[in-house]
Every structure is written in C-alpha cells, then in structure tokens.
Amino acid sequence: MKKKILFVCLGNICRSSTAEGVMLHLIKEAGLEKEFVIDSAGILAYHQGELPDSRMRAHAARRGYELVHRSRPVRTEDFYNFDLIIGMDDLLRRMSETVPGTFQHSMQVANLAAEAAIRIGAKSQLVRTGALYHDIGKMENPAFFTENQSGVNPHKNLSYEQSAQVVISHVTDGLKLADKHNLPKVIKDFISTHHGRGKTKFFYISWKNEHPGEEPNEEVFTYPGPNPFSKETAILMMADSVEAASRSLPEYTEESISNLVDKIIDSQVQEGYFKECPITFKDIATIKAVFKEKLKTIYHTRISYPELKK
C-alpha cells in the first residue's frame, strides 16, 4: 500500500507546494514513485486553483524542480486519507509553545466559529483560519492574559489605564506579526475586528467604580477596531467572547451555558457591533444555538438532581 504524505501551509502557493515539488523530485530520483502519494494543501482557500507563486517557481526551476501543483484547501477527508500531514507554519508552532493557553482558546474558537459558519452559509474555512490567527499578538506579552497565567498576575502592579493598554496592544502587535509573516489582508481583518471598537470592560468598569463622578479617557480603554464588517468577522467576535467567558462559569449546566451565550451576544448586538455586517437576526439566532450545542458537548453538561425531601 502506498504511503500518503500531505504538506500544509497557509495558502498553498509557496511552502507546501514547494515541499510537494521537491519531495516528488526526490522520490522520482530514488525510483520510489510507486510507493508514495505526495500532495499539498492550504489552510485557506484564498488562492484556490492558482499555480505556486511565480518567484517560487522561478527559483525552483533554476534548481531543477518543477512546481505544477494548483492550490487547494485542506479537506476533512484529508485527515482520513493521508498517513502523514506535515504543517509548515512557524507562527502557529511558536504560538502553541509560547502561549499554550491562548493557542487552546484559539482552537476552540475555530471549532465554534467554523460550525456556526456552516450553519448560516458563511465561509467556514475562512473563519476557522481567522480564528487560529486572531490572537497571535498575545505572544508579545503572554503573562498579561488570564489563559497563560500560572498564579502570578502582573496586572496587580499596573494602573487600570496601563493594564488596558497592554491588553489592547495584542491587536496592534498581532497586526505587526501578520505583516512580518506576510499574512493576507483577509486574515488580518480578523485580528483587527475581533474586539471591534469595544472596551476592556474589566479595567474600564473598575476605573469608573473607583472614580465616581469622574469621566475616564474613553480612548485609553477602547480597542482600535474597526467593528466586524462581514459575516465571518462577526461570527469570530461572537465565538471569541463566548468561548473566553465560558471558562469562568462556576458550574456547567444547560441553563448556565444558554444564559451566558444569550447575555454576551445580545449585549454585542445592543452595542451596535454588527451594524456594518450583512448578518440577520435569524443568522444570530442560529449562531447562538450552535454555540450552546457545542459548549454543552465540550463541558459535558448534566442535569441537576433534586434533593430528597425528608
């Protein structure tokens, strides 16, 4: 039986397509064509049907490699059909090592968002990819984010304004990393919009509670935005907030999860975050139902048994 190997990168026009071409060349040189199936794919369908980047093809040709693969996205069946799948994204590898809590959060958000996108007819592969990259900026200051803390909270040594700025910076830092790693604009949109023009509510409300009668500098506590402007970016904002908040529930019951999802998403609607999105109330109701269903599965909710009356 042939061994099947799949190389995967972001868009399948540079790293993975080149790896496929080089591997095919080496296998042919070794006379092992009948023993292997080699293919490549991208996390994103952004370049579907395109040949590898022209510069990459030129450099490969000078070295004797022919790159003829046309870009395609990863498919569900790939996970069943291939013996070995090799990921070729250093940014996500670094994220899994430096901010493991954030990485796990992003994976859960990706699953929630992709399922919701499927149910309302949005682009599930796109929102899944955006979810994987939306929090990459947290790699710059890992310990300032709850999911990466282990008993020590550095915010205790900062003012509310300073803490807000550190937290907000994960968006701008994420965009800088995205530029450095040549992520396409369609992915950068998820980084810039996942908090929209919202506030760092914990620090904002804490400041107001300690300064009654005073007005804060609103911009210090406000994310740069913009607000979501597509179905996919709206889904990510909802999934990100719901998944993060679900981790702090005191108990996991069908009622507590349902109330949490309703509270968070209704608040986002009321605050006007989705005014620029082509998303309907019917879509939002469907998204809520998906999140409730998925979170109940994740947290294995059980019914509360009644006490025996004496």
Protein backbone atom coordinates (compact mmCIF):
# COMPACT_ATOMS: atom_id res chain seq x y z
CA MET A 1 0.00 0.00 0.00
CA LYS A 2 1.28 3.44 -0.92
CA LYS A 3 2.39 5.85 1.82
CA LYS A 4 0.46 9.14 1.56
CA ILE A 5 2.02 12.44 2.66
CA LEU A 6 0.33 15.86 2.69
CA PHE A 7 2.20 19.17 3.18
CA VAL A 8 0.09 22.07 4.54
CA CYS A 9 0.76 25.80 4.82
CA LEU A 10 -1.47 28.89 4.79
CA GLY A 11 -2.27 29.47 1.11
CA ASN A 12 -0.63 26.50 -0.69
CA ILE A 13 1.28 28.66 -3.16
CA CYS A 14 4.77 28.74 -1.56
CA ARG A 15 5.92 26.50 1.30
CA SER A 16 3.69 23.44 0.95
CA SER A 17 3.56 23.43 -2.86
CA THR A 18 7.37 23.69 -2.96
CA ALA A 19 7.74 20.88 -0.43
CA GLU A 20 5.47 18.75 -2.61
CA GLY A 21 7.52 19.50 -5.74
CA VAL A 22 10.86 18.79 -4.03
CA MET A 23 9.56 15.59 -2.44
CA LEU A 24 8.20 14.34 -5.77
CA HIS A 25 11.59 15.06 -7.36
CA LEU A 26 13.47 13.16 -4.64
CA ILE A 27 11.10 10.20 -4.82
CA LYS A 28 11.49 10.04 -8.59
CA GLU A 29 15.29 10.15 -8.26
CA ALA A 30 15.11 7.25 -5.81
CA GLY A 31 12.80 5.26 -8.09
CA LEU A 32 10.06 5.14 -5.45
CA GLU A 33 7.16 6.68 -7.40
CA LYS A 34 5.03 3.55 -6.93
CA GLU A 35 5.41 3.67 -3.15
CA PHE A 36 4.25 7.21 -2.34
CA VAL A 37 1.40 9.66 -2.94
CA ILE A 38 2.51 13.26 -2.34
CA ASP A 39 0.15 16.23 -2.20
CA SER A 40 -0.14 19.70 -0.64
CA ALA A 41 -2.92 21.98 0.53
CA GLY A 42 -3.61 25.28 2.31
CA ILE A 43 -5.45 26.15 5.49
CA LEU A 44 -7.11 28.91 3.47
CA ALA A 45 -8.85 28.62 0.09
CA TYR A 46 -7.73 32.16 -0.78
CA HIS A 47 -5.57 31.02 -3.74
CA GLN A 48 -7.62 28.01 -4.84
CA GLY A 49 -6.77 26.91 -8.38
CA GLU A 50 -3.63 29.06 -8.65
CA LEU A 51 -0.16 27.83 -9.51
CA PRO A 52 2.64 28.38 -6.98
CA ASP A 53 3.99 31.92 -6.69
CA SER A 54 5.90 32.88 -9.86
CA ARG A 55 9.05 33.78 -7.90
CA MET A 56 8.99 30.43 -6.15
CA ARG A 57 8.58 28.62 -9.47
CA ALA A 58 11.49 30.54 -10.97
CA HIS A 59 13.85 29.70 -8.10
CA ALA A 60 12.71 26.08 -8.13
CA ALA A 61 13.27 25.76 -11.88
CA ARG A 62 16.85 27.03 -11.53
CA ARG A 63 17.44 24.16 -9.10
CA GLY A 64 15.80 21.53 -11.26
CA TYR A 65 12.41 21.35 -9.53
CA GLU A 66 9.10 21.68 -11.37
CA LEU A 67 6.21 23.17 -9.39
CA VAL A 68 2.92 22.47 -11.17
CA HIS A 69 0.51 21.88 -8.27
CA ARG A 70 -2.58 24.09 -8.18
CA SER A 71 -3.59 25.42 -4.78
CA ARG A 72 -6.41 23.73 -2.92
CA PRO A 73 -7.74 23.97 0.65
CA VAL A 74 -7.44 21.24 3.24
CA ARG A 75 -10.49 18.96 3.19
CA THR A 76 -11.96 16.91 6.02
CA GLU A 77 -11.25 13.67 4.17
CA ASP A 78 -7.53 14.53 4.08
CA PHE A 79 -7.30 13.63 7.77
CA TYR A 80 -8.53 10.13 6.94
CA ASN A 81 -6.75 9.62 3.61
CA PHE A 82 -3.18 10.63 4.45
CA ASP A 83 -0.72 8.73 6.63
CA LEU A 84 1.31 11.85 7.46
CA ILE A 85 0.26 15.52 7.42
CA ILE A 86 3.12 17.98 7.82
CA GLY A 87 2.25 21.52 8.99
CA MET A 88 4.55 24.24 7.70
CA ASP A 89 3.54 27.31 9.73
CA ASP A 90 6.15 28.58 12.17
CA LEU A 91 3.83 31.24 13.58
CA LEU A 92 1.27 28.74 14.89
CA ARG A 93 4.03 26.45 16.15
CA ARG A 94 5.51 29.34 18.13
CA MET A 95 2.08 30.20 19.44
CA SER A 96 1.50 26.67 20.73
CA GLU A 97 4.83 26.84 22.60
CA THR A 98 4.85 30.41 23.96
CA VAL A 99 1.14 30.96 24.71
CA PRO A 100 -0.35 27.45 25.09
CA GLY A 101 -3.45 28.76 26.85
CA THR A 102 -4.16 31.21 24.04
CA PHE A 103 -3.46 28.51 21.46
CA GLN A 104 -6.04 26.18 23.04
CA HIS A 105 -8.53 29.06 23.22
CA SER A 106 -7.97 29.78 19.52
CA MET A 107 -8.53 26.13 18.60
CA GLN A 108 -11.83 26.06 20.50
CA VAL A 109 -12.90 29.36 18.93
CA ALA A 110 -12.04 27.97 15.49
CA ASN A 111 -14.27 24.94 16.05
CA LEU A 112 -17.19 27.01 17.33
CA ALA A 113 -16.90 29.59 14.57
CA ALA A 114 -16.49 27.09 11.72
CA GLU A 115 -19.60 25.16 12.73
CA ALA A 116 -21.63 28.36 13.04
CA ALA A 117 -20.43 29.49 9.61
CA ILE A 118 -21.53 26.21 8.03
CA ARG A 119 -25.00 26.54 9.56
CA ILE A 120 -25.61 30.07 8.20
CA GLY A 121 -23.92 29.57 4.83
CA ALA A 122 -20.80 31.64 5.55
CA LYS A 123 -17.21 30.69 4.69
CA SER A 124 -16.28 28.15 7.34
CA GLN A 125 -12.69 27.57 6.18
CA LEU A 126 -12.03 31.31 6.19
CA VAL A 127 -13.40 31.89 9.69
CA ARG A 128 -11.57 28.82 11.01
CA THR A 129 -8.29 30.22 9.70
CA GLY A 130 -9.03 33.70 11.03
CA ALA A 131 -9.74 32.19 14.44
CA LEU A 132 -6.39 30.41 14.53
CA TYR A 133 -4.53 33.68 13.96
CA HIS A 134 -6.76 36.26 15.70
CA ASP A 135 -4.81 36.29 19.00
CA ILE A 136 -1.23 35.92 17.73
CA GLY A 137 -0.40 39.31 19.24
CA LYS A 138 -0.62 37.80 22.74
CA MET A 139 2.79 36.22 22.11
CA GLU A 140 4.35 39.61 22.81
CA ASN A 141 3.11 39.76 26.44
CA PRO A 142 1.88 36.24 27.33
CA ALA A 143 1.61 36.59 31.12
CA PHE A 144 -0.81 39.53 30.91
CA PHE A 145 -3.57 37.27 29.61
CA THR A 146 -5.50 35.07 32.02
CA GLU A 147 -5.32 31.88 29.98
CA ASN A 148 -1.50 31.94 30.14
CA GLN A 149 -1.11 32.83 33.82
CA SER A 150 0.02 30.36 36.46
CA GLY A 151 -0.69 32.02 39.80
CA VAL A 152 1.01 35.37 39.14
CA ASN A 153 -0.98 38.29 37.74
CA PRO A 154 1.30 41.14 36.57
CA HIS A 155 -1.68 43.49 36.27
CA LYS A 156 -1.53 43.90 40.06
CA ASN A 157 1.45 46.20 39.58
CA LEU A 158 -0.20 48.39 36.93
CA SER A 159 -2.84 51.09 36.90
CA TYR A 160 -6.14 50.33 35.16
CA GLU A 161 -5.09 52.56 32.26
CA GLN A 162 -1.76 50.76 31.87
CA SER A 163 -3.40 47.34 32.02
CA ALA A 164 -5.96 48.36 29.41
CA GLN A 165 -3.20 49.49 27.06
CA VAL A 166 -1.26 46.23 27.46
CA VAL A 167 -4.36 44.17 26.70
CA ILE A 168 -5.36 46.37 23.75
CA SER A 169 -1.84 46.08 22.33
CA HIS A 170 -2.40 42.40 21.44
CA VAL A 171 -4.42 43.64 18.47
CA THR A 172 -1.75 46.05 17.18
CA ASP A 173 1.03 43.57 17.99
CA GLY A 174 -0.92 40.90 16.12
CA LEU A 175 -1.16 43.09 13.03
CA LYS A 176 2.60 43.74 13.16
CA LEU A 177 3.29 40.00 13.34
CA ALA A 178 0.85 39.39 10.49
CA ASP A 179 2.74 41.92 8.34
CA LYS A 180 6.07 40.36 9.28
CA HIS A 181 4.84 36.90 8.24
CA ASN A 182 3.05 38.14 5.10
CA LEU A 183 -0.42 37.04 6.18
CA PRO A 184 -3.07 38.18 3.67
CA LYS A 185 -5.38 41.10 4.45
CA VAL A 186 -8.35 38.76 4.71
CA ILE A 187 -6.70 37.16 7.79
CA LYS A 188 -5.53 40.48 9.24
CA ASP A 189 -9.17 41.60 9.19
CA PHE A 190 -9.96 39.02 11.86
CA ILE A 191 -7.15 40.33 14.06
CA SER A 192 -8.29 43.95 13.83
CA THR A 193 -12.03 43.31 14.26
CA HIS A 194 -12.33 40.56 16.88
CA HIS A 195 -12.83 43.17 19.63
CA GLY A 196 -14.17 45.84 17.29
CA ARG A 197 -14.38 49.23 18.96
CA GLY A 198 -15.24 47.62 22.27
CA LYS A 199 -13.72 48.42 25.63
CA THR A 200 -11.51 46.48 28.00
CA LYS A 201 -14.53 46.22 30.27
CA PHE A 202 -12.87 44.85 33.38
CA PHE A 203 -10.42 47.75 33.63
CA TYR A 204 -12.89 50.35 32.36
CA ILE A 205 -15.60 49.42 34.87
CA SER A 206 -13.05 49.06 37.68
CA TRP A 207 -11.74 52.57 36.96
CA LYS A 208 -15.26 54.05 36.96
CA ASN A 209 -16.13 52.31 40.22
CA GLU A 210 -13.07 53.81 41.91
CA HIS A 211 -13.60 57.30 40.44
CA PRO A 212 -17.29 58.10 40.96
CA GLY A 213 -18.35 61.33 39.34
CA GLU A 214 -15.25 61.46 37.11
CA GLU A 215 -15.08 60.80 33.38
CA PRO A 216 -12.34 58.48 32.08
CA ASN A 217 -10.35 58.96 28.90
CA GLU A 218 -12.53 56.64 26.79
CA GLU A 219 -9.90 56.03 24.13
CA VAL A 220 -7.42 54.64 26.65
CA PHE A 221 -9.85 51.78 27.33
CA THR A 222 -11.08 51.32 23.73
CA TYR A 223 -9.80 48.89 21.09
CA PRO A 224 -8.77 50.47 17.77
CA GLY A 225 -11.24 48.43 15.69
CA PRO A 226 -12.91 48.57 13.27
CA ASN A 227 -16.09 46.69 14.12
CA PRO A 228 -16.77 43.49 12.16
CA PHE A 229 -17.92 44.07 8.57
CA SER A 230 -18.59 40.56 7.24
CA LYS A 231 -20.50 37.50 8.42
CA GLU A 232 -17.21 35.75 9.11
CA THR A 233 -15.68 38.52 11.24
CA ALA A 234 -18.96 38.85 13.16
CA ILE A 235 -19.02 35.11 13.87
CA LEU A 236 -15.45 35.28 15.17
CA MET A 237 -16.23 38.15 17.54
CA MET A 238 -19.15 36.18 18.99
CA ALA A 239 -17.22 32.91 19.26
CA ASP A 240 -14.19 34.59 20.84
CA SER A 241 -16.21 36.31 23.56
CA VAL A 242 -18.42 33.30 24.31
CA GLU A 243 -15.56 30.81 24.50
CA ALA A 244 -13.48 33.03 26.78
CA ALA A 245 -16.39 33.76 29.12
CA SER A 246 -17.44 30.09 29.27
CA ARG A 247 -14.19 29.25 31.07
CA SER A 248 -15.20 31.28 34.11
CA LEU A 249 -18.65 29.78 34.69
CA PRO A 250 -18.94 28.49 38.28
CA GLU A 251 -20.87 25.44 37.05
CA TYR A 252 -21.72 23.99 33.67
CA THR A 253 -25.40 23.30 33.18
CA GLU A 254 -27.62 23.68 30.14
CA GLU A 255 -29.20 26.73 31.75
CA SER A 256 -25.93 28.46 32.69
CA ILE A 257 -24.45 27.94 29.23
CA SER A 258 -27.61 29.08 27.47
CA ASN A 259 -27.85 32.21 29.63
CA LEU A 260 -24.18 33.04 29.05
CA VAL A 261 -24.43 32.78 25.25
CA ASP A 262 -27.60 34.90 25.18
CA LYS A 263 -26.18 37.54 27.52
CA ILE A 264 -22.92 38.02 25.60
CA ILE A 265 -24.31 38.04 22.08
CA ASP A 266 -27.38 40.14 22.95
CA SER A 267 -25.03 42.69 24.53
CA GLN A 268 -22.89 42.79 21.36
CA VAL A 269 -25.99 43.36 19.24
CA GLN A 270 -27.24 46.13 21.54
CA GLU A 271 -23.85 47.86 21.48
CA GLY A 272 -24.04 48.01 17.69
CA TYR A 273 -21.01 45.89 16.81
CA PHE A 274 -22.77 44.21 13.88
CA LYS A 275 -24.37 47.25 12.23
CA GLU A 276 -21.89 47.09 9.35
CA CYS A 277 -22.34 43.33 8.81
CA PRO A 278 -24.62 41.58 6.30
CA ILE A 279 -25.85 39.37 9.13
CA THR A 280 -29.51 38.84 10.06
CA PHE A 281 -31.31 38.23 13.34
CA LYS A 282 -32.08 34.75 12.01
CA ASP A 283 -28.35 34.17 11.47
CA ILE A 284 -27.60 35.33 15.01
CA ALA A 285 -30.26 33.04 16.47
CA THR A 286 -28.72 30.11 14.58
CA ILE A 287 -25.21 31.02 15.77
CA LYS A 288 -26.44 31.14 19.37
CA ALA A 289 -27.99 27.69 19.02
CA VAL A 290 -24.74 26.28 17.59
CA PHE A 291 -22.65 27.72 20.41
CA LYS A 292 -24.99 26.37 23.07
CA GLU A 293 -24.97 22.93 21.47
CA LYS A 294 -21.18 22.81 21.10
CA LEU A 295 -20.41 24.18 24.59
CA LYS A 296 -22.76 21.69 26.21
CA THR A 297 -20.82 18.93 24.47
CA ILE A 298 -17.44 20.40 25.45
CA TYR A 299 -18.37 20.76 29.11
CA HIS A 300 -20.46 17.55 29.36
CA THR A 301 -23.41 19.25 31.00
CA ARG A 302 -25.59 17.19 33.28
CA ILE A 303 -28.99 17.77 34.76
CA SER A 304 -29.15 18.86 38.39
CA TYR A 305 -30.63 16.08 40.52
CA PRO A 306 -33.26 17.12 43.10
CA GLU A 307 -32.68 16.63 46.80
CA LEU A 308 -34.86 14.02 48.50
CA LYS A 309 -37.35 15.79 50.74
CA LYS A 310 -37.45 14.49 54.31
